[in-house]
């Protein structure tokens, strides 16, 4: 039996099927579970479009070559993405004030005049 050859169409069909299978299963890399952009968006509370716009800062991993007309699937280490998101989007820490022991006086005081409706 001689070597098996595949037509370019066959190679593309195999690649498309592999991509389908990978998209349907959680991906792992070095024991770390990787999630899709949609899953990352849900966990971060943002849109999928926002996740794609911030792929690099969230540590996105492209699962294939980038080229003209090619946009490979992107996966995220969810722990890393959450840490990166919190580092940039965490609320500023509140500065605790030391109590002075006396009630503070408002800067602007408006005095109301009693009015009983009589003219």
PDB file of N, CA and C in Angstrom:
ATOM      1  N   UNK A   1       0.842  -1.172   0.000  1.00  0.00           N
ATOM      2  CA  UNK A   1       0.000   0.000   0.000  1.00  0.00           C
ATOM      3  C   UNK A   1       0.889   1.239   0.000  1.00  0.00           C
ATOM      4  N   UNK A   2       0.608   2.174  -0.886  1.00  0.00           N
ATOM      5  CA  UNK A   2       1.404   3.388  -1.023  1.00  0.00           C
ATOM      6  C   UNK A   2       0.935   4.491  -0.088  1.00  0.00           C
ATOM      7  N   UNK A   3       1.592   5.642  -0.160  1.00  0.00           N
ATOM      8  CA  UNK A   3       1.216   6.764   0.713  1.00  0.00           C
ATOM      9  C   UNK A   3      -0.182   7.285   0.364  1.00  0.00           C
ATOM     10  N   UNK A   4      -0.866   7.781   1.382  1.00  0.00           N
ATOM     11  CA  UNK A   4      -2.205   8.334   1.212  1.00  0.00           C
ATOM     12  C   UNK A   4      -2.070   9.831   0.951  1.00  0.00           C
ATOM     13  N   UNK A   5      -2.783  10.306  -0.034  1.00  0.00           N
ATOM     14  CA  UNK A   5      -2.759  11.744  -0.331  1.00  0.00           C
ATOM     15  C   UNK A   5      -4.167  12.303  -0.149  1.00  0.00           C
ATOM     16  N   UNK A   6      -4.219  13.542   0.252  1.00  0.00           N
ATOM     17  CA  UNK A   6      -5.499  14.217   0.458  1.00  0.00           C
ATOM     18  C   UNK A   6      -5.582  15.435  -0.445  1.00  0.00           C
ATOM     19  N   UNK A   7      -6.759  15.674  -0.956  1.00  0.00           N
ATOM     20  CA  UNK A   7      -7.002  16.889  -1.724  1.00  0.00           C
ATOM     21  C   UNK A   7      -7.095  18.068  -0.752  1.00  0.00           C
ATOM     22  N   UNK A   8      -6.824  19.292  -1.214  1.00  0.00           N
ATOM     23  CA  UNK A   8      -6.963  20.473  -0.343  1.00  0.00           C
ATOM     24  C   UNK A   8      -8.346  20.572   0.295  1.00  0.00           C
ATOM     25  N   UNK A   9      -9.386  20.156  -0.435  1.00  0.00           N
ATOM     26  CA  UNK A   9     -10.745  20.195   0.120  1.00  0.00           C
ATOM     27  C   UNK A   9     -10.879  19.233   1.298  1.00  0.00           C
ATOM     28  N   UNK A  10     -10.233  18.064   1.189  1.00  0.00           N
ATOM     29  CA  UNK A  10     -10.269  17.093   2.282  1.00  0.00           C
ATOM     30  C   UNK A  10      -9.555  17.637   3.519  1.00  0.00           C
ATOM     31  N   UNK A  11      -8.421  18.288   3.286  1.00  0.00           N
ATOM     32  CA  UNK A  11      -7.658  18.869   4.398  1.00  0.00           C
ATOM     33  C   UNK A  11      -8.503  19.931   5.101  1.00  0.00           C
ATOM     34  N   UNK A  12      -9.170  20.780   4.329  1.00  0.00           N
ATOM     35  CA  UNK A  12     -10.033  21.817   4.912  1.00  0.00           C
ATOM     36  C   UNK A  12     -11.188  21.209   5.694  1.00  0.00           C
ATOM     37  N   UNK A  13     -11.775  20.123   5.163  1.00  0.00           N
ATOM     38  CA  UNK A  13     -12.881  19.462   5.856  1.00  0.00           C
ATOM     39  C   UNK A  13     -12.414  18.872   7.186  1.00  0.00           C
ATOM     40  N   UNK A  14     -11.238  18.262   7.188  1.00  0.00           N
ATOM     41  CA  UNK A  14     -10.686  17.717   8.431  1.00  0.00           C
ATOM     42  C   UNK A  14     -10.418  18.842   9.429  1.00  0.00           C
ATOM     43  N   UNK A  15      -9.824  19.941   8.959  1.00  0.00           N
ATOM     44  CA  UNK A  15      -9.521  21.073   9.843  1.00  0.00           C
ATOM     45  C   UNK A  15     -10.802  21.663  10.429  1.00  0.00           C
ATOM     46  N   UNK A  16     -11.840  21.793   9.614  1.00  0.00           N
ATOM     47  CA  UNK A  16     -13.109  22.336  10.095  1.00  0.00           C
ATOM     48  C   UNK A  16     -13.716  21.427  11.158  1.00  0.00           C
ATOM     49  N   UNK A  17     -13.643  20.124  10.948  1.00  0.00           N
ATOM     50  CA  UNK A  17     -14.200  19.180  11.928  1.00  0.00           C
ATOM     51  C   UNK A  17     -13.419  19.215  13.230  1.00  0.00           C
ATOM     52  N   UNK A  18     -12.102  19.304  13.150  1.00  0.00           N
ATOM     53  CA  UNK A  18     -11.282  19.401  14.363  1.00  0.00           C
ATOM     54  C   UNK A  18     -11.639  20.674  15.131  1.00  0.00           C
ATOM     55  N   UNK A  19     -11.812  21.785  14.419  1.00  0.00           N
ATOM     56  CA  UNK A  19     -12.191  23.038  15.063  1.00  0.00           C
ATOM     57  C   UNK A  19     -13.543  22.908  15.760  1.00  0.00           C
ATOM     58  N   UNK A  20     -14.504  22.225  15.124  1.00  0.00           N
ATOM     59  CA  UNK A  20     -15.814  21.989  15.737  1.00  0.00           C
ATOM     60  C   UNK A  20     -15.669  21.199  17.036  1.00  0.00           C
ATOM     61  N   UNK A  21     -14.891  20.144  16.986  1.00  0.00           N
ATOM     62  CA  UNK A  21     -14.710  19.298  18.166  1.00  0.00           C
ATOM     63  C   UNK A  21     -14.024  20.065  19.295  1.00  0.00           C
ATOM     64  N   UNK A  22     -13.033  20.871  18.952  1.00  0.00           N
ATOM     65  CA  UNK A  22     -12.351  21.674  19.976  1.00  0.00           C
ATOM     66  C   UNK A  22     -13.280  22.702  20.595  1.00  0.00           C
ATOM     67  N   UNK A  23     -14.128  23.312  19.778  1.00  0.00           N
ATOM     68  CA  UNK A  23     -15.049  24.324  20.283  1.00  0.00           C
ATOM     69  C   UNK A  23     -16.096  23.716  21.206  1.00  0.00           C
ATOM     70  N   UNK A  24     -16.424  22.456  21.005  1.00  0.00           N
ATOM     71  CA  UNK A  24     -17.463  21.801  21.798  1.00  0.00           C
ATOM     72  C   UNK A  24     -16.957  21.312  23.152  1.00  0.00           C
ATOM     73  N   UNK A  25     -15.639  21.263  23.335  1.00  0.00           N
ATOM     74  CA  UNK A  25     -15.081  20.742  24.576  1.00  0.00           C
ATOM     75  C   UNK A  25     -14.242  21.808  25.267  1.00  0.00           C
ATOM     76  N   UNK A  26     -14.190  21.736  26.595  1.00  0.00           N
ATOM     77  CA  UNK A  26     -13.268  22.637  27.278  1.00  0.00           C
ATOM     78  C   UNK A  26     -11.843  22.300  26.846  1.00  0.00           C
ATOM     79  N   UNK A  27     -11.076  23.304  26.558  1.00  0.00           N
ATOM     80  CA  UNK A  27      -9.699  23.108  26.126  1.00  0.00           C
ATOM     81  C   UNK A  27      -8.798  23.194  27.343  1.00  0.00           C
ATOM     82  N   UNK A  28      -7.726  22.447  27.338  1.00  0.00           N
ATOM     83  CA  UNK A  28      -6.764  22.564  28.420  1.00  0.00           C
ATOM     84  C   UNK A  28      -5.403  22.870  27.831  1.00  0.00           C
ATOM     85  N   UNK A  29      -4.632  23.579  28.604  1.00  0.00           N
ATOM     86  CA  UNK A  29      -3.257  23.879  28.201  1.00  0.00           C
ATOM     87  C   UNK A  29      -2.416  23.801  29.457  1.00  0.00           C
ATOM     88  N   UNK A  30      -1.553  22.825  29.507  1.00  0.00           N
ATOM     89  CA  UNK A  30      -0.722  22.657  30.691  1.00  0.00           C
ATOM     90  C   UNK A  30      -1.540  22.407  31.945  1.00  0.00           C
ATOM     91  N   UNK A  31      -2.697  21.738  31.807  1.00  0.00           N
ATOM     92  CA  UNK A  31      -3.540  21.453  32.961  1.00  0.00           C
ATOM     93  C   UNK A  31      -4.488  22.582  33.317  1.00  0.00           C
ATOM     94  N   UNK A  32      -4.419  23.717  32.616  1.00  0.00           N
ATOM     95  CA  UNK A  32      -5.300  24.841  32.891  1.00  0.00           C
ATOM     96  C   UNK A  32      -6.498  24.766  31.955  1.00  0.00           C
ATOM     97  N   UNK A  33      -7.683  24.928  32.494  1.00  0.00           N
ATOM     98  CA  UNK A  33      -8.900  24.889  31.666  1.00  0.00           C
ATOM     99  C   UNK A  33      -9.046  26.216  30.942  1.00  0.00           C
ATOM    100  N   UNK A  34      -9.210  26.135  29.653  1.00  0.00           N
ATOM    101  CA  UNK A  34      -9.399  27.328  28.843  1.00  0.00           C
ATOM    102  C   UNK A  34     -10.863  27.434  28.436  1.00  0.00           C
ATOM    103  N   UNK A  35     -11.379  28.664  28.403  1.00  0.00           N
ATOM    104  CA  UNK A  35     -12.782  28.876  28.067  1.00  0.00           C
ATOM    105  C   UNK A  35     -12.902  29.756  26.821  1.00  0.00           C
ATOM    106  N   UNK A  36     -14.057  29.724  26.204  1.00  0.00           N
ATOM    107  CA  UNK A  36     -14.322  30.523  25.010  1.00  0.00           C
ATOM    108  C   UNK A  36     -14.511  31.990  25.375  1.00  0.00           C
ATOM    109  N   UNK A  37     -14.551  32.835  24.355  1.00  0.00           N
ATOM    110  CA  UNK A  37     -14.794  34.268  24.569  1.00  0.00           C
ATOM    111  C   UNK A  37     -16.175  34.488  25.179  1.00  0.00           C
ATOM    112  N   UNK A  38     -17.160  33.702  24.756  1.00  0.00           N
ATOM    113  CA  UNK A  38     -18.514  33.837  25.312  1.00  0.00           C
ATOM    114  C   UNK A  38     -18.524  33.495  26.799  1.00  0.00           C
ATOM    115  N   UNK A  39     -17.824  32.422  27.180  1.00  0.00           N
ATOM    116  CA  UNK A  39     -17.756  32.041  28.597  1.00  0.00           C
ATOM    117  C   UNK A  39     -17.004  33.096  29.410  1.00  0.00           C
ATOM    118  N   UNK A  40     -15.920  33.621  28.852  1.00  0.00           N
ATOM    119  CA  UNK A  40     -15.163  34.671  29.543  1.00  0.00           C
ATOM    120  C   UNK A  40     -16.026  35.914  29.713  1.00  0.00           C
ATOM    121  N   UNK A  41     -16.788  36.269  28.689  1.00  0.00           N
ATOM    122  CA  UNK A  41     -17.663  37.446  28.764  1.00  0.00           C
ATOM    123  C   UNK A  41     -18.694  37.282  29.877  1.00  0.00           C
ATOM    124  N   UNK A  42     -19.294  36.096  29.977  1.00  0.00           N
ATOM    125  CA  UNK A  42     -20.278  35.841  31.041  1.00  0.00           C
ATOM    126  C   UNK A  42     -19.634  35.983  32.419  1.00  0.00           C
ATOM    127  N   UNK A  43     -18.442  35.426  32.581  1.00  0.00           N
ATOM    128  CA  UNK A  43     -17.762  35.472  33.880  1.00  0.00           C
ATOM    129  C   UNK A  43     -17.357  36.894  34.265  1.00  0.00           C
ATOM    130  N   UNK A  44     -17.003  37.706  33.260  1.00  0.00           N
ATOM    131  CA  UNK A  44     -16.564  39.075  33.527  1.00  0.00           C
ATOM    132  C   UNK A  44     -17.726  40.065  33.567  1.00  0.00           C
ATOM    133  N   UNK A  45     -18.875  39.650  33.079  1.00  0.00           N
ATOM    134  CA  UNK A  45     -20.031  40.547  33.055  1.00  0.00           C
ATOM    135  C   UNK A  45     -19.931  41.608  31.964  1.00  0.00           C
ATOM    136  N   UNK A  46     -19.319  41.240  30.845  1.00  0.00           N
ATOM    137  CA  UNK A  46     -19.162  42.161  29.716  1.00  0.00           C
ATOM    138  C   UNK A  46     -19.642  41.456  28.453  1.00  0.00           C
ATOM    139  N   UNK A  47     -19.648  42.186  27.341  1.00  0.00           N
ATOM    140  CA  UNK A  47     -20.070  41.573  26.076  1.00  0.00           C
ATOM    141  C   UNK A  47     -18.929  40.756  25.457  1.00  0.00           C
ATOM    142  N   UNK A  48     -19.304  39.851  24.586  1.00  0.00           N
ATOM    143  CA  UNK A  48     -18.321  39.058  23.856  1.00  0.00           C
ATOM    144  C   UNK A  48     -17.450  39.962  22.993  1.00  0.00           C
ATOM    145  N   UNK A  49     -18.048  40.999  22.436  1.00  0.00           N
ATOM    146  CA  UNK A  49     -17.303  41.950  21.612  1.00  0.00           C
ATOM    147  C   UNK A  49     -16.229  42.647  22.445  1.00  0.00           C
ATOM    148  N   UNK A  50     -16.567  42.987  23.698  1.00  0.00           N
ATOM    149  CA  UNK A  50     -15.597  43.646  24.586  1.00  0.00           C
ATOM    150  C   UNK A  50     -14.418  42.700  24.840  1.00  0.00           C
ATOM    151  N   UNK A  51     -14.715  41.424  25.058  1.00  0.00           N
ATOM    152  CA  UNK A  51     -13.660  40.437  25.300  1.00  0.00           C
ATOM    153  C   UNK A  51     -12.724  40.371  24.095  1.00  0.00           C
ATOM    154  N   UNK A  52     -13.299  40.305  22.878  1.00  0.00           N
ATOM    155  CA  UNK A  52     -12.461  40.252  21.676  1.00  0.00           C
ATOM    156  C   UNK A  52     -11.638  41.530  21.520  1.00  0.00           C
ATOM    157  N   UNK A  53     -12.182  42.666  21.910  1.00  0.00           N
ATOM    158  CA  UNK A  53     -11.444  43.930  21.799  1.00  0.00           C
ATOM    159  C   UNK A  53     -10.287  44.000  22.797  1.00  0.00           C
ATOM    160  N   UNK A  54     -10.313  43.158  23.836  1.00  0.00           N
ATOM    161  CA  UNK A  54      -9.284  43.178  24.879  1.00  0.00           C
ATOM    162  C   UNK A  54      -8.572  41.827  25.009  1.00  0.00           C
ATOM    163  N   UNK A  55      -8.497  41.084  23.905  1.00  0.00           N
ATOM    164  CA  UNK A  55      -7.909  39.740  23.912  1.00  0.00           C
ATOM    165  C   UNK A  55      -6.521  39.732  24.543  1.00  0.00           C
ATOM    166  N   UNK A  56      -5.653  40.633  24.099  1.00  0.00           N
ATOM    167  CA  UNK A  56      -4.264  40.592  24.573  1.00  0.00           C
ATOM    168  C   UNK A  56      -4.154  40.920  26.056  1.00  0.00           C
ATOM    169  N   UNK A  57      -4.873  41.933  26.529  1.00  0.00           N
ATOM    170  CA  UNK A  57      -4.752  42.281  27.946  1.00  0.00           C
ATOM    171  C   UNK A  57      -5.383  41.236  28.859  1.00  0.00           C
ATOM    172  N   UNK A  58      -6.313  40.437  28.329  1.00  0.00           N
ATOM    173  CA  UNK A  58      -6.920  39.362  29.112  1.00  0.00           C
ATOM    174  C   UNK A  58      -6.143  38.057  28.994  1.00  0.00           C
ATOM    175  N   UNK A  59      -5.076  38.049  28.194  1.00  0.00           N
ATOM    176  CA  UNK A  59      -4.247  36.853  28.042  1.00  0.00           C
ATOM    177  C   UNK A  59      -4.838  35.826  27.103  1.00  0.00           C
ATOM    178  N   UNK A  60      -5.600  36.262  26.103  1.00  0.00           N
ATOM    179  CA  UNK A  60      -6.218  35.342  25.156  1.00  0.00           C
ATOM    180  C   UNK A  60      -5.180  34.546  24.377  1.00  0.00           C
ATOM    181  N   UNK A  61      -5.515  33.300  24.098  1.00  0.00           N
ATOM    182  CA  UNK A  61      -4.631  32.399  23.368  1.00  0.00           C
ATOM    183  C   UNK A  61      -5.306  32.046  22.052  1.00  0.00           C
ATOM    184  N   UNK A  62      -4.670  32.399  20.945  1.00  0.00           N
ATOM    185  CA  UNK A  62      -5.214  32.091  19.622  1.00  0.00           C
ATOM    186  C   UNK A  62      -4.846  30.647  19.251  1.00  0.00           C
ATOM    187  N   UNK A  63      -5.845  29.880  18.854  1.00  0.00           N
ATOM    188  CA  UNK A  63      -5.643  28.461  18.562  1.00  0.00           C
ATOM    189  C   UNK A  63      -5.421  28.220  17.080  1.00  0.00           C
ATOM    190  N   UNK A  64      -4.463  28.893  16.518  1.00  0.00           N
ATOM    191  CA  UNK A  64      -4.161  28.707  15.107  1.00  0.00           C
ATOM    192  C   UNK A  64      -3.494  29.944  14.549  1.00  0.00           C
ATOM    193  N   UNK A  65      -3.035  29.839  13.314  1.00  0.00           N
ATOM    194  CA  UNK A  65      -2.351  30.978  12.712  1.00  0.00           C
ATOM    195  C   UNK A  65      -3.329  32.085  12.316  1.00  0.00           C
ATOM    196  N   UNK A  66      -2.838  33.312  12.410  1.00  0.00           N
ATOM    197  CA  UNK A  66      -3.599  34.472  11.970  1.00  0.00           C
ATOM    198  C   UNK A  66      -3.115  34.816  10.577  1.00  0.00           C
ATOM    199  N   UNK A  67      -4.022  35.101   9.692  1.00  0.00           N
ATOM    200  CA  UNK A  67      -3.635  35.444   8.331  1.00  0.00           C
ATOM    201  C   UNK A  67      -4.783  36.109   7.616  1.00  0.00           C
ATOM    202  N   UNK A  68      -4.564  36.445   6.358  1.00  0.00           N
ATOM    203  CA  UNK A  68      -5.628  37.079   5.589  1.00  0.00           C
ATOM    204  C   UNK A  68      -6.878  36.198   5.558  1.00  0.00           C
ATOM    205  N   UNK A  69      -7.975  36.742   6.049  1.00  0.00           N
ATOM    206  CA  UNK A  69      -9.224  35.993   6.061  1.00  0.00           C
ATOM    207  C   UNK A  69      -9.309  34.923   7.126  1.00  0.00           C
ATOM    208  N   UNK A  70      -8.316  34.823   7.984  1.00  0.00           N
ATOM    209  CA  UNK A  70      -8.308  33.790   9.034  1.00  0.00           C
ATOM    210  C   UNK A  70      -8.400  34.438  10.405  1.00  0.00           C
ATOM    211  N   UNK A  71      -9.379  34.003  11.163  1.00  0.00           N
ATOM    212  CA  UNK A  71      -9.505  34.426  12.549  1.00  0.00           C
ATOM    213  C   UNK A  71      -9.637  33.165  13.393  1.00  0.00           C
ATOM    214  N   UNK A  72      -8.532  32.692  13.938  1.00  0.00           N
ATOM    215  CA  UNK A  72      -8.598  31.446  14.702  1.00  0.00           C
ATOM    216  C   UNK A  72      -9.400  31.636  15.986  1.00  0.00           C
ATOM    217  N   UNK A  73      -9.935  30.549  16.523  1.00  0.00           N
ATOM    218  CA  UNK A  73     -10.634  30.644  17.800  1.00  0.00           C
ATOM    219  C   UNK A  73      -9.679  31.135  18.888  1.00  0.00           C
ATOM    220  N   UNK A  74     -10.233  31.823  19.861  1.00  0.00           N
ATOM    221  CA  UNK A  74      -9.446  32.327  20.985  1.00  0.00           C
ATOM    222  C   UNK A  74      -9.982  31.683  22.251  1.00  0.00           C
ATOM    223  N   UNK A  75      -9.087  31.294  23.122  1.00  0.00           N
ATOM    224  CA  UNK A  75      -9.475  30.732  24.410  1.00  0.00           C
ATOM    225  C   UNK A  75      -8.777  31.524  25.515  1.00  0.00           C
ATOM    226  N   UNK A  76      -9.359  31.457  26.726  1.00  0.00           N
ATOM    227  CA  UNK A  76      -8.864  32.234  27.853  1.00  0.00           C
ATOM    228  C   UNK A  76      -8.692  31.351  29.069  1.00  0.00           C
ATOM    229  N   UNK A  77      -7.587  31.542  29.770  1.00  0.00           N
ATOM    230  CA  UNK A  77      -7.420  30.972  31.105  1.00  0.00           C
ATOM    231  C   UNK A  77      -8.279  31.880  31.981  1.00  0.00           C
ATOM    232  N   UNK A  78      -9.389  31.360  32.475  1.00  0.00           N
ATOM    233  CA  UNK A  78     -10.360  32.201  33.167  1.00  0.00           C
ATOM    234  C   UNK A  78      -9.776  32.879  34.399  1.00  0.00           C
ATOM    235  N   UNK A  79      -8.940  32.186  35.148  1.00  0.00           N
ATOM    236  CA  UNK A  79      -8.334  32.801  36.332  1.00  0.00           C
ATOM    237  C   UNK A  79      -7.470  33.999  35.934  1.00  0.00           C
ATOM    238  N   UNK A  80      -6.688  33.827  34.885  1.00  0.00           N
ATOM    239  CA  UNK A  80      -5.822  34.921  34.418  1.00  0.00           C
ATOM    240  C   UNK A  80      -6.654  36.085  33.887  1.00  0.00           C
ATOM    241  N   UNK A  81      -7.712  35.792  33.134  1.00  0.00           N
ATOM    242  CA  UNK A  81      -8.569  36.845  32.584  1.00  0.00           C
ATOM    243  C   UNK A  81      -9.255  37.621  33.704  1.00  0.00           C
ATOM    244  N   UNK A  82      -9.751  36.910  34.717  1.00  0.00           N
ATOM    245  CA  UNK A  82     -10.394  37.582  35.852  1.00  0.00           C
ATOM    246  C   UNK A  82      -9.412  38.483  36.596  1.00  0.00           C
ATOM    247  N   UNK A  83      -8.196  37.995  36.812  1.00  0.00           N
ATOM    248  CA  UNK A  83      -7.188  38.797  37.506  1.00  0.00           C
ATOM    249  C   UNK A  83      -6.840  40.045  36.698  1.00  0.00           C
ATOM    250  N   UNK A  84      -6.685  39.901  35.392  1.00  0.00           N
ATOM    251  CA  UNK A  84      -6.358  41.044  34.543  1.00  0.00           C
ATOM    252  C   UNK A  84      -7.500  42.051  34.538  1.00  0.00           C
ATOM    253  N   UNK A  85      -8.725  41.559  34.473  1.00  0.00           N
ATOM    254  CA  UNK A  85      -9.894  42.435  34.464  1.00  0.00           C
ATOM    255  C   UNK A  85      -9.990  43.209  35.781  1.00  0.00           C
ATOM    256  N   UNK A  86      -9.824  42.506  36.892  1.00  0.00           N
ATOM    257  CA  UNK A  86      -9.909  43.164  38.209  1.00  0.00           C
ATOM    258  C   UNK A  86      -8.800  44.187  38.408  1.00  0.00           C
ATOM    259  N   UNK A  87      -7.618  43.903  37.882  1.00  0.00           N
ATOM    260  CA  UNK A  87      -6.494  44.829  38.046  1.00  0.00           C
ATOM    261  C   UNK A  87      -6.778  46.168  37.376  1.00  0.00           C
ATOM    262  N   UNK A  88      -7.498  46.141  36.268  1.00  0.00           N
ATOM    263  CA  UNK A  88      -7.781  47.370  35.526  1.00  0.00           C
ATOM    264  C   UNK A  88      -9.111  47.983  35.927  1.00  0.00           C
ATOM    265  N   UNK A  89     -10.093  47.149  36.206  1.00  0.00           N
ATOM    266  CA  UNK A  89     -11.452  47.642  36.411  1.00  0.00           C
ATOM    267  C   UNK A  89     -11.954  47.549  37.845  1.00  0.00           C
ATOM    268  N   UNK A  90     -11.074  47.290  38.783  1.00  0.00           N
ATOM    269  CA  UNK A  90     -11.493  47.230  40.182  1.00  0.00           C
ATOM    270  C   UNK A  90     -11.801  48.635  40.678  1.00  0.00           C
ATOM    271  N   UNK A  91     -12.797  48.778  41.539  1.00  0.00           N
ATOM    272  CA  UNK A  91     -13.087  50.108  42.074  1.00  0.00           C
ATOM    273  C   UNK A  91     -11.912  50.613  42.906  1.00  0.00           C
ATOM    274  N   UNK A  92     -11.709  51.914  42.889  1.00  0.00           N
ATOM    275  CA  UNK A  92     -10.621  52.511  43.659  1.00  0.00           C
ATOM    276  C   UNK A  92     -10.869  52.257  45.140  1.00  0.00           C
ATOM    277  N   UNK A  93      -9.813  51.956  45.877  1.00  0.00           N
ATOM    278  CA  UNK A  93     -10.009  51.716  47.311  1.00  0.00           C
ATOM    279  C   UNK A  93     -10.467  52.990  48.005  1.00  0.00           C
ATOM    280  N   UNK A  94     -11.363  52.827  48.955  1.00  0.00           N
ATOM    281  CA  UNK A  94     -11.864  53.978  49.698  1.00  0.00           C
ATOM    282  C   UNK A  94     -10.884  54.291  50.824  1.00  0.00           C
ATOM    283  N   UNK A  95     -10.655  55.560  51.017  1.00  0.00           N
ATOM    284  CA  UNK A  95      -9.765  55.994  52.077  1.00  0.00           C
ATOM    285  C   UNK A  95     -10.604  56.206  53.327  1.00  0.00           C
ATOM    286  N   UNK A  96     -10.260  55.491  54.364  1.00  0.00           N
ATOM    287  CA  UNK A  96     -11.009  55.617  55.613  1.00  0.00           C
ATOM    288  C   UNK A  96     -10.614  56.915  56.306  1.00  0.00           C
ATOM    289  N   UNK A  97     -11.604  57.639  56.757  1.00  0.00           N
ATOM    290  CA  UNK A  97     -11.334  58.876  57.492  1.00  0.00           C
ATOM    291  C   UNK A  97     -11.301  58.571  58.980  1.00  0.00           C
ATOM    292  N   UNK A  98     -10.443  59.267  59.632  1.00  0.00           N
ATOM    293  CA  UNK A  98     -10.334  59.130  61.076  1.00  0.00           C
ATOM    294  C   UNK A  98     -11.441  59.963  61.719  1.00  0.00           C
ATOM    295  N   UNK A  99     -12.252  59.370  62.571  1.00  0.00           N
ATOM    296  CA  UNK A  99     -13.312  60.162  63.206  1.00  0.00           C
ATOM    297  C   UNK A  99     -12.713  61.272  64.064  1.00  0.00           C
ATOM    298  N   UNK A 100     -13.316  62.453  64.000  1.00  0.00           N
ATOM    299  CA  UNK A 100     -12.786  63.598  64.740  1.00  0.00           C
ATOM    300  C   UNK A 100     -13.390  63.699  66.131  1.00  0.00           C
ATOM    301  N   UNK A 101     -14.449  62.955  66.401  1.00  0.00           N
ATOM    302  CA  UNK A 101     -15.056  62.998  67.711  1.00  0.00           C
ATOM    303  C   UNK A 101     -16.156  64.043  67.811  1.00  0.00           C
ATOM    304  N   UNK A 102     -16.359  64.839  66.791  1.00  0.00           N
ATOM    305  CA  UNK A 102     -17.445  65.818  66.817  1.00  0.00           C
ATOM    306  C   UNK A 102     -18.197  65.751  65.494  1.00  0.00           C
ATOM    307  N   UNK A 103     -19.421  66.175  65.544  1.00  0.00           N
ATOM    308  CA  UNK A 103     -20.232  66.154  64.330  1.00  0.00           C
ATOM    309  C   UNK A 103     -19.713  67.213  63.369  1.00  0.00           C
ATOM    310  N   UNK A 104     -19.678  66.863  62.109  1.00  0.00           N
ATOM    311  CA  UNK A 104     -19.210  67.841  61.137  1.00  0.00           C
ATOM    312  C   UNK A 104     -20.323  68.817  60.797  1.00  0.00           C
ATOM    313  N   UNK A 105     -19.934  70.045  60.544  1.00  0.00           N
ATOM    314  CA  UNK A 105     -20.877  71.101  60.214  1.00  0.00           C
ATOM    315  C   UNK A 105     -20.973  71.181  58.694  1.00  0.00           C
ATOM    316  N   UNK A 106     -22.185  71.151  58.150  1.00  0.00           N
ATOM    317  CA  UNK A 106     -22.297  71.256  56.704  1.00  0.00           C
ATOM    318  C   UNK A 106     -21.767  72.598  56.214  1.00  0.00           C
ATOM    319  N   UNK A 107     -21.177  72.580  55.022  1.00  0.00           N
ATOM    320  CA  UNK A 107     -20.611  73.814  54.473  1.00  0.00           C
ATOM    321  C   UNK A 107     -21.687  74.830  54.135  1.00  0.00           C
ATOM    322  N   UNK A 108     -22.777  74.400  53.571  1.00  0.00           N
ATOM    323  CA  UNK A 108     -23.847  75.300  53.169  1.00  0.00           C
ATOM    324  C   UNK A 108     -25.100  74.973  53.963  1.00  0.00           C
ATOM    325  N   UNK A 109     -25.582  75.928  54.726  1.00  0.00           N
ATOM    326  CA  UNK A 109     -26.772  75.724  55.536  1.00  0.00           C
ATOM    327  C   UNK A 109     -27.864  76.631  54.993  1.00  0.00           C
ATOM    328  N   UNK A 110     -29.002  76.050  54.721  1.00  0.00           N
ATOM    329  CA  UNK A 110     -30.141  76.825  54.268  1.00  0.00           C
ATOM    330  C   UNK A 110     -31.143  76.887  55.403  1.00  0.00           C
ATOM    331  N   UNK A 111     -31.519  78.092  55.786  1.00  0.00           N
ATOM    332  CA  UNK A 111     -32.490  78.263  56.862  1.00  0.00           C
ATOM    333  C   UNK A 111     -33.867  78.388  56.236  1.00  0.00           C
ATOM    334  N   UNK A 112     -34.781  77.593  56.731  1.00  0.00           N
ATOM    335  CA  UNK A 112     -36.142  77.642  56.227  1.00  0.00           C
ATOM    336  C   UNK A 112     -36.973  78.555  57.110  1.00  0.00           C
ATOM    337  N   UNK A 113     -37.817  79.324  56.512  1.00  0.00           N
ATOM    338  CA  UNK A 113     -38.695  80.235  57.257  1.00  0.00           C
ATOM    339  C   UNK A 113     -40.033  79.539  57.422  1.00  0.00           C
ATOM    340  N   UNK A 114     -40.556  79.589  58.664  1.00  0.00           N
ATOM    341  CA  UNK A 114     -41.861  79.000  58.908  1.00  0.00           C
ATOM    342  C   UNK A 114     -42.894  79.758  58.072  1.00  0.00           C
ATOM    343  N   UNK A 115     -43.729  79.019  57.459  1.00  0.00           N
ATOM    344  CA  UNK A 115     -44.762  79.625  56.635  1.00  0.00           C
ATOM    345  C   UNK A 115     -46.031  78.835  56.882  1.00  0.00           C
ATOM    346  N   UNK A 116     -47.012  79.503  57.391  1.00  0.00           N
ATOM    347  CA  UNK A 116     -48.259  78.775  57.690  1.00  0.00           C
ATOM    348  C   UNK A 116     -49.349  79.078  56.673  1.00  0.00           C
ATOM    349  N   UNK A 117     -49.009  79.779  55.602  1.00  0.00           N
ATOM    350  CA  UNK A 117     -49.980  80.059  54.567  1.00  0.00           C
ATOM    351  C   UNK A 117     -50.749  81.343  54.799  1.00  0.00           C
ATOM    352  N   UNK A 118     -50.580  82.019  55.959  1.00  0.00           N
ATOM    353  CA  UNK A 118     -51.311  83.263  56.228  1.00  0.00           C
ATOM    354  C   UNK A 118     -50.596  84.421  55.548  1.00  0.00           C
ATOM    355  N   UNK A 119     -51.364  85.316  54.998  1.00  0.00           N
ATOM    356  CA  UNK A 119     -50.762  86.442  54.308  1.00  0.00           C
ATOM    357  C   UNK A 119     -50.784  87.693  55.129  1.00  0.00           C
TER     358      UNK A 119
END
